[in-house]
Amino acid sequence: MRKIFFPALLATAFLFSCGNEVKKEKADSIESKKGMSVSDPLGDMPVAVDDTVFNGTSIKRHPNGVIKMRGEVAGGFRSGEWVSFYPSGKEWSRGTYKNGYREGYGVSYWQNGAKSSEGYYEHNKMVGLWKFWDEEGRVVEKDFGGKK
């Protein structure tokens, strides 16, 4: 009886799992419909769906509707300037990307609008001298090495 039951159970589980469609979260400019989209430009590595790659503006929102993050995507990768916001709508950070990697100047802010950090990136790594501020405005510098 066991010899017949186990293979039948596996076959049934396989049949029920084949028809399930994986759904992705929908961003303002990204459709999750089959053949439409994308890669998630906010993930580590984009994954093309049906051999298509997203190009254009990506906008993600906080649950309250305020923009959380916005930027351009080229070939499925973050490209150009990206800006992030607190749920209040105040700017949280700003930086540039090239082929999905952080490159160049980056800055972040406390919710009160004061800078919390600034420095440079090369291929997703912090390089050179970075400045960090606490919420009272005291500055600390840290050298990450590299060209900057």
N, C-alpha and C. Protein backbone atom coordinates (compact mmCIF):
# COMPACT_ATOMS: atom_id res chain seq x y z
N MET A 1 0.82 -1.20 0.00
CA MET A 1 0.00 0.00 0.00
C MET A 1 0.86 1.26 0.00
N ARG A 2 1.94 1.29 0.83
CA ARG A 2 2.82 2.46 0.89
C ARG A 2 3.49 2.73 -0.45
N LYS A 3 3.86 1.67 -1.17
CA LYS A 3 4.55 1.83 -2.44
C LYS A 3 3.68 2.55 -3.46
N ILE A 4 2.38 2.39 -3.40
CA ILE A 4 1.46 3.04 -4.34
C ILE A 4 1.08 4.43 -3.83
N PHE A 5 0.88 4.60 -2.53
CA PHE A 5 0.41 5.86 -1.94
C PHE A 5 1.41 7.01 -2.11
N PHE A 6 2.67 6.78 -1.81
CA PHE A 6 3.67 7.85 -1.84
C PHE A 6 3.86 8.44 -3.25
N PRO A 7 4.05 7.63 -4.31
CA PRO A 7 4.16 8.20 -5.65
C PRO A 7 2.90 8.93 -6.09
N ALA A 8 1.74 8.42 -5.68
CA ALA A 8 0.48 9.08 -6.04
C ALA A 8 0.39 10.44 -5.34
N LEU A 9 0.83 10.52 -4.10
CA LEU A 9 0.83 11.78 -3.35
C LEU A 9 1.77 12.79 -4.01
N LEU A 10 2.95 12.36 -4.40
CA LEU A 10 3.90 13.25 -5.08
C LEU A 10 3.34 13.75 -6.40
N ALA A 11 2.73 12.89 -7.17
CA ALA A 11 2.16 13.28 -8.47
C ALA A 11 1.04 14.30 -8.27
N THR A 12 0.21 14.10 -7.27
CA THR A 12 -0.88 15.04 -6.99
C THR A 12 -0.33 16.40 -6.58
N ALA A 13 0.67 16.42 -5.70
CA ALA A 13 1.28 17.68 -5.27
C ALA A 13 1.89 18.41 -6.45
N PHE A 14 2.55 17.68 -7.35
CA PHE A 14 3.16 18.28 -8.53
C PHE A 14 2.11 18.92 -9.43
N LEU A 15 1.02 18.23 -9.68
CA LEU A 15 -0.03 18.75 -10.55
C LEU A 15 -0.65 20.02 -9.99
N PHE A 16 -0.89 20.08 -8.68
CA PHE A 16 -1.49 21.27 -8.09
C PHE A 16 -0.52 22.44 -8.05
N SER A 17 0.76 22.19 -7.94
CA SER A 17 1.73 23.29 -7.85
C SER A 17 2.08 23.87 -9.22
N CYS A 18 1.89 23.15 -10.30
CA CYS A 18 2.26 23.63 -11.62
C CYS A 18 1.43 24.81 -12.09
N GLY A 19 0.20 24.89 -11.69
CA GLY A 19 -0.68 25.94 -12.18
C GLY A 19 -0.59 27.24 -11.41
N ASN A 20 0.16 27.28 -10.32
CA ASN A 20 0.22 28.50 -9.51
C ASN A 20 1.09 29.55 -10.16
N GLU A 21 0.61 30.78 -10.20
CA GLU A 21 1.36 31.88 -10.78
C GLU A 21 1.97 32.70 -9.64
N VAL A 22 3.22 33.06 -9.77
CA VAL A 22 3.88 33.88 -8.76
C VAL A 22 3.53 35.33 -9.04
N LYS A 23 3.07 36.06 -8.04
CA LYS A 23 2.70 37.45 -8.22
C LYS A 23 3.73 38.34 -7.57
N LYS A 24 4.01 39.46 -8.20
CA LYS A 24 4.95 40.43 -7.67
C LYS A 24 4.20 41.66 -7.22
N GLU A 25 4.82 42.40 -6.30
CA GLU A 25 4.25 43.66 -5.85
C GLU A 25 4.23 44.63 -7.01
N LYS A 26 3.19 45.41 -7.12
CA LYS A 26 3.06 46.36 -8.21
C LYS A 26 3.54 47.73 -7.77
N ALA A 27 4.45 48.29 -8.51
CA ALA A 27 4.88 49.67 -8.28
C ALA A 27 4.12 50.53 -9.27
N ASP A 28 4.17 51.85 -9.12
CA ASP A 28 3.40 52.74 -9.98
C ASP A 28 3.68 52.52 -11.46
N SER A 29 4.94 52.32 -11.81
CA SER A 29 5.27 52.24 -13.22
C SER A 29 5.66 50.83 -13.65
N ILE A 30 5.44 49.86 -12.80
CA ILE A 30 5.83 48.49 -13.13
C ILE A 30 4.60 47.60 -13.03
N GLU A 31 4.25 46.95 -14.12
CA GLU A 31 3.14 46.02 -14.12
C GLU A 31 3.68 44.63 -13.85
N SER A 32 2.93 43.83 -13.13
CA SER A 32 3.38 42.47 -12.84
C SER A 32 2.70 41.44 -13.75
N LYS A 33 2.03 41.90 -14.79
CA LYS A 33 1.36 40.98 -15.70
C LYS A 33 2.39 40.24 -16.55
N LYS A 34 2.06 39.01 -16.89
CA LYS A 34 2.96 38.19 -17.69
C LYS A 34 3.27 38.90 -19.02
N GLY A 35 4.54 38.97 -19.36
CA GLY A 35 4.95 39.56 -20.63
C GLY A 35 5.13 41.06 -20.57
N MET A 36 4.71 41.70 -19.50
CA MET A 36 4.74 43.15 -19.41
C MET A 36 6.04 43.64 -18.87
N SER A 37 6.65 42.93 -18.01
CA SER A 37 7.60 43.60 -17.24
C SER A 37 8.96 43.03 -17.06
N VAL A 38 9.15 42.64 -15.93
CA VAL A 38 10.24 43.26 -15.34
C VAL A 38 11.13 42.48 -14.52
N SER A 39 11.93 43.25 -14.16
CA SER A 39 12.82 42.97 -13.10
C SER A 39 12.46 43.95 -12.03
N ASP A 40 12.73 43.61 -10.82
CA ASP A 40 12.48 44.54 -9.74
C ASP A 40 13.70 45.43 -9.63
N PRO A 41 13.59 46.71 -10.00
CA PRO A 41 14.76 47.57 -9.98
C PRO A 41 15.26 47.85 -8.58
N LEU A 42 14.50 47.46 -7.57
CA LEU A 42 14.93 47.72 -6.21
C LEU A 42 15.61 46.51 -5.59
N GLY A 43 15.66 45.41 -6.30
CA GLY A 43 16.32 44.21 -5.80
C GLY A 43 17.80 44.26 -6.12
N ASP A 44 18.53 43.25 -5.63
CA ASP A 44 19.96 43.20 -5.88
C ASP A 44 20.28 42.95 -7.34
N MET A 45 19.61 41.98 -7.93
CA MET A 45 19.85 41.65 -9.32
C MET A 45 18.51 41.57 -10.04
N PRO A 46 18.38 42.23 -11.18
CA PRO A 46 17.11 42.15 -11.90
C PRO A 46 16.90 40.78 -12.51
N VAL A 47 15.66 40.40 -12.63
CA VAL A 47 15.30 39.12 -13.23
C VAL A 47 14.28 39.42 -14.31
N ALA A 48 14.61 39.14 -15.55
CA ALA A 48 13.69 39.42 -16.65
C ALA A 48 12.56 38.42 -16.65
N VAL A 49 11.38 38.88 -17.04
CA VAL A 49 10.21 38.02 -17.14
C VAL A 49 9.87 37.90 -18.62
N ASP A 50 9.74 36.68 -19.10
CA ASP A 50 9.42 36.45 -20.51
C ASP A 50 10.35 37.20 -21.45
N ASP A 51 11.62 37.22 -21.14
CA ASP A 51 12.63 37.87 -21.97
C ASP A 51 12.37 39.35 -22.20
N THR A 52 11.71 40.01 -21.27
CA THR A 52 11.52 41.45 -21.37
C THR A 52 12.24 42.11 -20.21
N VAL A 53 12.65 43.33 -20.40
CA VAL A 53 13.35 44.07 -19.37
C VAL A 53 12.72 45.44 -19.25
N PHE A 54 12.50 45.87 -18.03
CA PHE A 54 11.86 47.15 -17.78
C PHE A 54 12.82 48.31 -18.04
N ASN A 55 12.32 49.33 -18.71
CA ASN A 55 13.02 50.59 -18.91
C ASN A 55 12.04 51.69 -18.58
N GLY A 56 12.48 52.69 -17.85
CA GLY A 56 11.60 53.81 -17.54
C GLY A 56 11.72 54.23 -16.10
N THR A 57 10.72 54.98 -15.64
CA THR A 57 10.72 55.50 -14.28
C THR A 57 10.09 54.49 -13.34
N SER A 58 10.76 54.21 -12.24
CA SER A 58 10.22 53.33 -11.21
C SER A 58 9.85 54.19 -10.01
N ILE A 59 8.64 53.98 -9.50
CA ILE A 59 8.18 54.71 -8.31
C ILE A 59 7.58 53.70 -7.35
N LYS A 60 8.08 53.68 -6.14
CA LYS A 60 7.50 52.86 -5.07
C LYS A 60 6.92 53.82 -4.05
N ARG A 61 5.82 53.41 -3.39
CA ARG A 61 5.15 54.28 -2.44
C ARG A 61 5.07 53.63 -1.05
N HIS A 62 5.05 54.49 -0.03
CA HIS A 62 4.79 54.05 1.33
C HIS A 62 3.30 53.67 1.42
N PRO A 63 2.90 52.91 2.45
CA PRO A 63 1.49 52.56 2.60
C PRO A 63 0.55 53.77 2.64
N ASN A 64 1.06 54.94 3.08
CA ASN A 64 0.22 56.14 3.13
C ASN A 64 0.11 56.85 1.78
N GLY A 65 0.74 56.30 0.73
CA GLY A 65 0.66 56.87 -0.61
C GLY A 65 1.79 57.80 -0.98
N VAL A 66 2.58 58.23 -0.02
CA VAL A 66 3.71 59.12 -0.28
C VAL A 66 4.80 58.34 -1.01
N ILE A 67 5.46 58.98 -1.97
CA ILE A 67 6.54 58.32 -2.70
C ILE A 67 7.63 57.91 -1.73
N LYS A 68 8.03 56.66 -1.82
CA LYS A 68 9.10 56.10 -1.00
C LYS A 68 10.44 56.20 -1.73
N MET A 69 10.41 55.91 -3.03
CA MET A 69 11.64 55.89 -3.82
C MET A 69 11.29 56.10 -5.28
N ARG A 70 12.12 56.86 -5.98
CA ARG A 70 11.88 57.04 -7.42
C ARG A 70 13.21 57.19 -8.13
N GLY A 71 13.23 56.67 -9.36
CA GLY A 71 14.44 56.76 -10.17
C GLY A 71 14.23 56.08 -11.51
N GLU A 72 15.23 56.18 -12.33
CA GLU A 72 15.18 55.60 -13.68
C GLU A 72 15.77 54.20 -13.69
N VAL A 73 15.23 53.39 -14.60
CA VAL A 73 15.71 52.04 -14.81
C VAL A 73 16.04 51.91 -16.29
N ALA A 74 17.21 51.40 -16.59
CA ALA A 74 17.63 51.18 -17.98
C ALA A 74 18.13 49.74 -18.10
N GLY A 75 17.52 48.99 -18.98
CA GLY A 75 17.92 47.60 -19.16
C GLY A 75 17.69 46.76 -17.93
N GLY A 76 16.72 47.15 -17.09
CA GLY A 76 16.42 46.40 -15.88
C GLY A 76 17.26 46.79 -14.68
N PHE A 77 18.18 47.73 -14.85
CA PHE A 77 19.05 48.16 -13.75
C PHE A 77 18.79 49.61 -13.38
N ARG A 78 19.01 49.94 -12.10
CA ARG A 78 18.92 51.34 -11.69
C ARG A 78 19.95 52.12 -12.48
N SER A 79 19.56 53.33 -12.87
CA SER A 79 20.44 54.16 -13.68
C SER A 79 20.14 55.63 -13.38
N GLY A 80 21.16 56.44 -13.28
CA GLY A 80 20.95 57.85 -13.02
C GLY A 80 20.61 58.12 -11.56
N GLU A 81 19.96 59.25 -11.32
CA GLU A 81 19.68 59.67 -9.95
C GLU A 81 18.47 58.95 -9.35
N TRP A 82 18.60 58.51 -8.11
CA TRP A 82 17.52 57.91 -7.33
C TRP A 82 17.35 58.71 -6.06
N VAL A 83 16.10 58.93 -5.68
CA VAL A 83 15.78 59.70 -4.47
C VAL A 83 14.83 58.87 -3.61
N SER A 84 15.11 58.84 -2.30
CA SER A 84 14.25 58.14 -1.34
C SER A 84 13.65 59.16 -0.38
N PHE A 85 12.44 58.86 0.11
CA PHE A 85 11.72 59.79 0.99
C PHE A 85 11.20 59.08 2.23
N TYR A 86 11.11 59.83 3.32
CA TYR A 86 10.46 59.34 4.54
C TYR A 86 8.96 59.29 4.29
N PRO A 87 8.20 58.56 5.12
CA PRO A 87 6.73 58.54 4.98
C PRO A 87 6.10 59.94 5.08
N SER A 88 6.81 60.87 5.70
CA SER A 88 6.31 62.24 5.81
C SER A 88 6.44 63.01 4.50
N GLY A 89 7.24 62.48 3.56
CA GLY A 89 7.48 63.14 2.29
C GLY A 89 8.80 63.89 2.24
N LYS A 90 9.47 64.01 3.39
CA LYS A 90 10.79 64.68 3.40
C LYS A 90 11.84 63.76 2.78
N GLU A 91 12.80 64.38 2.12
CA GLU A 91 13.86 63.61 1.45
C GLU A 91 14.72 62.87 2.47
N TRP A 92 14.99 61.60 2.16
CA TRP A 92 15.81 60.76 3.03
C TRP A 92 17.21 60.60 2.44
N SER A 93 17.29 60.29 1.14
CA SER A 93 18.61 60.11 0.52
C SER A 93 18.53 60.37 -0.98
N ARG A 94 19.73 60.61 -1.54
CA ARG A 94 19.85 60.89 -2.96
C ARG A 94 21.20 60.34 -3.42
N GLY A 95 21.19 59.66 -4.57
CA GLY A 95 22.43 59.12 -5.09
C GLY A 95 22.28 58.71 -6.54
N THR A 96 23.40 58.41 -7.18
CA THR A 96 23.37 58.02 -8.58
C THR A 96 23.79 56.56 -8.75
N TYR A 97 23.26 55.98 -9.81
CA TYR A 97 23.54 54.58 -10.15
C TYR A 97 23.99 54.49 -11.59
N LYS A 98 24.83 53.50 -11.84
CA LYS A 98 25.26 53.20 -13.20
C LYS A 98 25.24 51.69 -13.33
N ASN A 99 24.41 51.18 -14.26
CA ASN A 99 24.26 49.74 -14.47
C ASN A 99 23.92 48.99 -13.18
N GLY A 100 23.10 49.60 -12.33
CA GLY A 100 22.65 48.95 -11.11
C GLY A 100 23.55 49.13 -9.90
N TYR A 101 24.68 49.78 -10.06
CA TYR A 101 25.61 49.98 -8.95
C TYR A 101 25.65 51.44 -8.52
N ARG A 102 25.79 51.66 -7.22
CA ARG A 102 25.96 53.03 -6.72
C ARG A 102 27.29 53.55 -7.24
N GLU A 103 27.26 54.75 -7.80
CA GLU A 103 28.46 55.40 -8.33
C GLU A 103 28.37 56.88 -8.03
N GLY A 104 29.46 57.47 -7.60
CA GLY A 104 29.47 58.91 -7.39
C GLY A 104 28.93 59.33 -6.04
N TYR A 105 28.56 60.59 -5.96
CA TYR A 105 28.15 61.23 -4.72
C TYR A 105 26.84 60.68 -4.19
N GLY A 106 26.78 60.49 -2.88
CA GLY A 106 25.55 60.08 -2.21
C GLY A 106 25.38 60.88 -0.93
N VAL A 107 24.14 61.20 -0.60
CA VAL A 107 23.86 61.99 0.60
C VAL A 107 22.57 61.47 1.24
N SER A 108 22.53 61.53 2.58
CA SER A 108 21.30 61.16 3.29
C SER A 108 21.02 62.19 4.37
N TYR A 109 19.75 62.24 4.79
CA TYR A 109 19.30 63.27 5.72
C TYR A 109 18.52 62.66 6.88
N TRP A 110 18.57 63.33 8.02
CA TRP A 110 17.70 62.99 9.14
C TRP A 110 16.31 63.51 8.81
N GLN A 111 15.32 63.05 9.56
CA GLN A 111 13.94 63.50 9.31
C GLN A 111 13.77 65.00 9.53
N ASN A 112 14.65 65.60 10.34
CA ASN A 112 14.55 67.05 10.56
C ASN A 112 15.17 67.86 9.42
N GLY A 113 15.69 67.18 8.40
CA GLY A 113 16.26 67.86 7.23
C GLY A 113 17.77 68.05 7.28
N ALA A 114 18.39 67.83 8.44
CA ALA A 114 19.85 67.95 8.57
C ALA A 114 20.53 66.74 7.92
N LYS A 115 21.73 66.97 7.36
CA LYS A 115 22.47 65.86 6.74
C LYS A 115 22.83 64.82 7.79
N SER A 116 22.76 63.56 7.38
CA SER A 116 23.22 62.48 8.26
C SER A 116 24.49 61.82 7.71
N SER A 117 24.69 61.88 6.37
CA SER A 117 25.93 61.35 5.80
C SER A 117 26.12 61.87 4.38
N GLU A 118 27.37 61.89 3.94
CA GLU A 118 27.68 62.21 2.55
C GLU A 118 29.05 61.65 2.21
N GLY A 119 29.19 61.24 0.95
CA GLY A 119 30.43 60.70 0.47
C GLY A 119 30.26 60.13 -0.93
N TYR A 120 31.25 59.36 -1.35
CA TYR A 120 31.26 58.82 -2.71
C TYR A 120 31.26 57.30 -2.72
N TYR A 121 30.68 56.76 -3.79
CA TYR A 121 30.64 55.33 -4.03
C TYR A 121 31.39 55.01 -5.31
N GLU A 122 32.01 53.85 -5.32
CA GLU A 122 32.56 53.27 -6.55
C GLU A 122 32.11 51.82 -6.59
N HIS A 123 31.35 51.47 -7.60
CA HIS A 123 30.86 50.10 -7.80
C HIS A 123 30.23 49.54 -6.52
N ASN A 124 29.32 50.31 -5.94
CA ASN A 124 28.53 49.94 -4.76
C ASN A 124 29.29 49.98 -3.44
N LYS A 125 30.51 50.45 -3.44
CA LYS A 125 31.29 50.50 -2.20
C LYS A 125 31.60 51.95 -1.83
N MET A 126 31.53 52.23 -0.52
CA MET A 126 31.88 53.56 -0.04
C MET A 126 33.39 53.73 -0.17
N VAL A 127 33.81 54.86 -0.74
CA VAL A 127 35.24 55.12 -0.91
C VAL A 127 35.56 56.53 -0.44
N GLY A 128 36.84 56.74 -0.14
CA GLY A 128 37.27 58.07 0.25
C GLY A 128 36.75 58.48 1.61
N LEU A 129 36.82 59.77 1.86
CA LEU A 129 36.43 60.34 3.14
C LEU A 129 34.92 60.59 3.18
N TRP A 130 34.24 59.98 4.11
CA TRP A 130 32.80 60.16 4.32
C TRP A 130 32.60 60.96 5.59
N LYS A 131 31.55 61.77 5.59
CA LYS A 131 31.17 62.51 6.78
C LYS A 131 29.83 61.98 7.28
N PHE A 132 29.74 61.82 8.59
CA PHE A 132 28.51 61.38 9.24
C PHE A 132 28.17 62.38 10.34
N TRP A 133 26.91 62.74 10.44
CA TRP A 133 26.44 63.68 11.46
C TRP A 133 25.43 62.98 12.35
N ASP A 134 25.49 63.28 13.66
CA ASP A 134 24.42 62.79 14.52
C ASP A 134 23.27 63.79 14.45
N GLU A 135 22.18 63.50 15.12
CA GLU A 135 20.99 64.36 15.01
C GLU A 135 21.21 65.75 15.61
N GLU A 136 22.25 65.90 16.44
CA GLU A 136 22.57 67.21 17.00
C GLU A 136 23.55 67.99 16.13
N GLY A 137 23.99 67.40 15.02
CA GLY A 137 24.87 68.10 14.09
C GLY A 137 26.35 67.87 14.30
N ARG A 138 26.74 67.01 15.25
CA ARG A 138 28.16 66.71 15.45
C ARG A 138 28.64 65.82 14.30
N VAL A 139 29.80 66.15 13.76
CA VAL A 139 30.31 65.44 12.59
C VAL A 139 31.40 64.44 12.97
N VAL A 140 31.41 63.33 12.27
CA VAL A 140 32.44 62.31 12.39
C VAL A 140 32.85 61.97 10.97
N GLU A 141 34.15 61.87 10.72
CA GLU A 141 34.63 61.51 9.39
C GLU A 141 35.22 60.11 9.44
N LYS A 142 35.03 59.37 8.37
CA LYS A 142 35.58 58.03 8.27
C LYS A 142 36.14 57.86 6.87
N ASP A 143 37.39 57.38 6.80
CA ASP A 143 38.04 57.18 5.52
C ASP A 143 37.89 55.72 5.10
N PHE A 144 37.24 55.51 3.96
CA PHE A 144 37.03 54.17 3.42
C PHE A 144 38.09 53.79 2.39
N GLY A 145 39.08 54.64 2.19
CA GLY A 145 40.12 54.36 1.20
C GLY A 145 39.60 54.57 -0.21
N GLY A 146 40.43 54.32 -1.18
CA GLY A 146 40.01 54.47 -2.57
C GLY A 146 40.42 55.84 -3.12
N LYS A 147 39.89 56.17 -4.27
CA LYS A 147 40.32 57.35 -5.02
C LYS A 147 39.79 58.68 -4.47
N LYS A 148 38.58 58.71 -3.92
CA LYS A 148 37.95 59.99 -3.58
C LYS A 148 38.54 60.59 -2.34
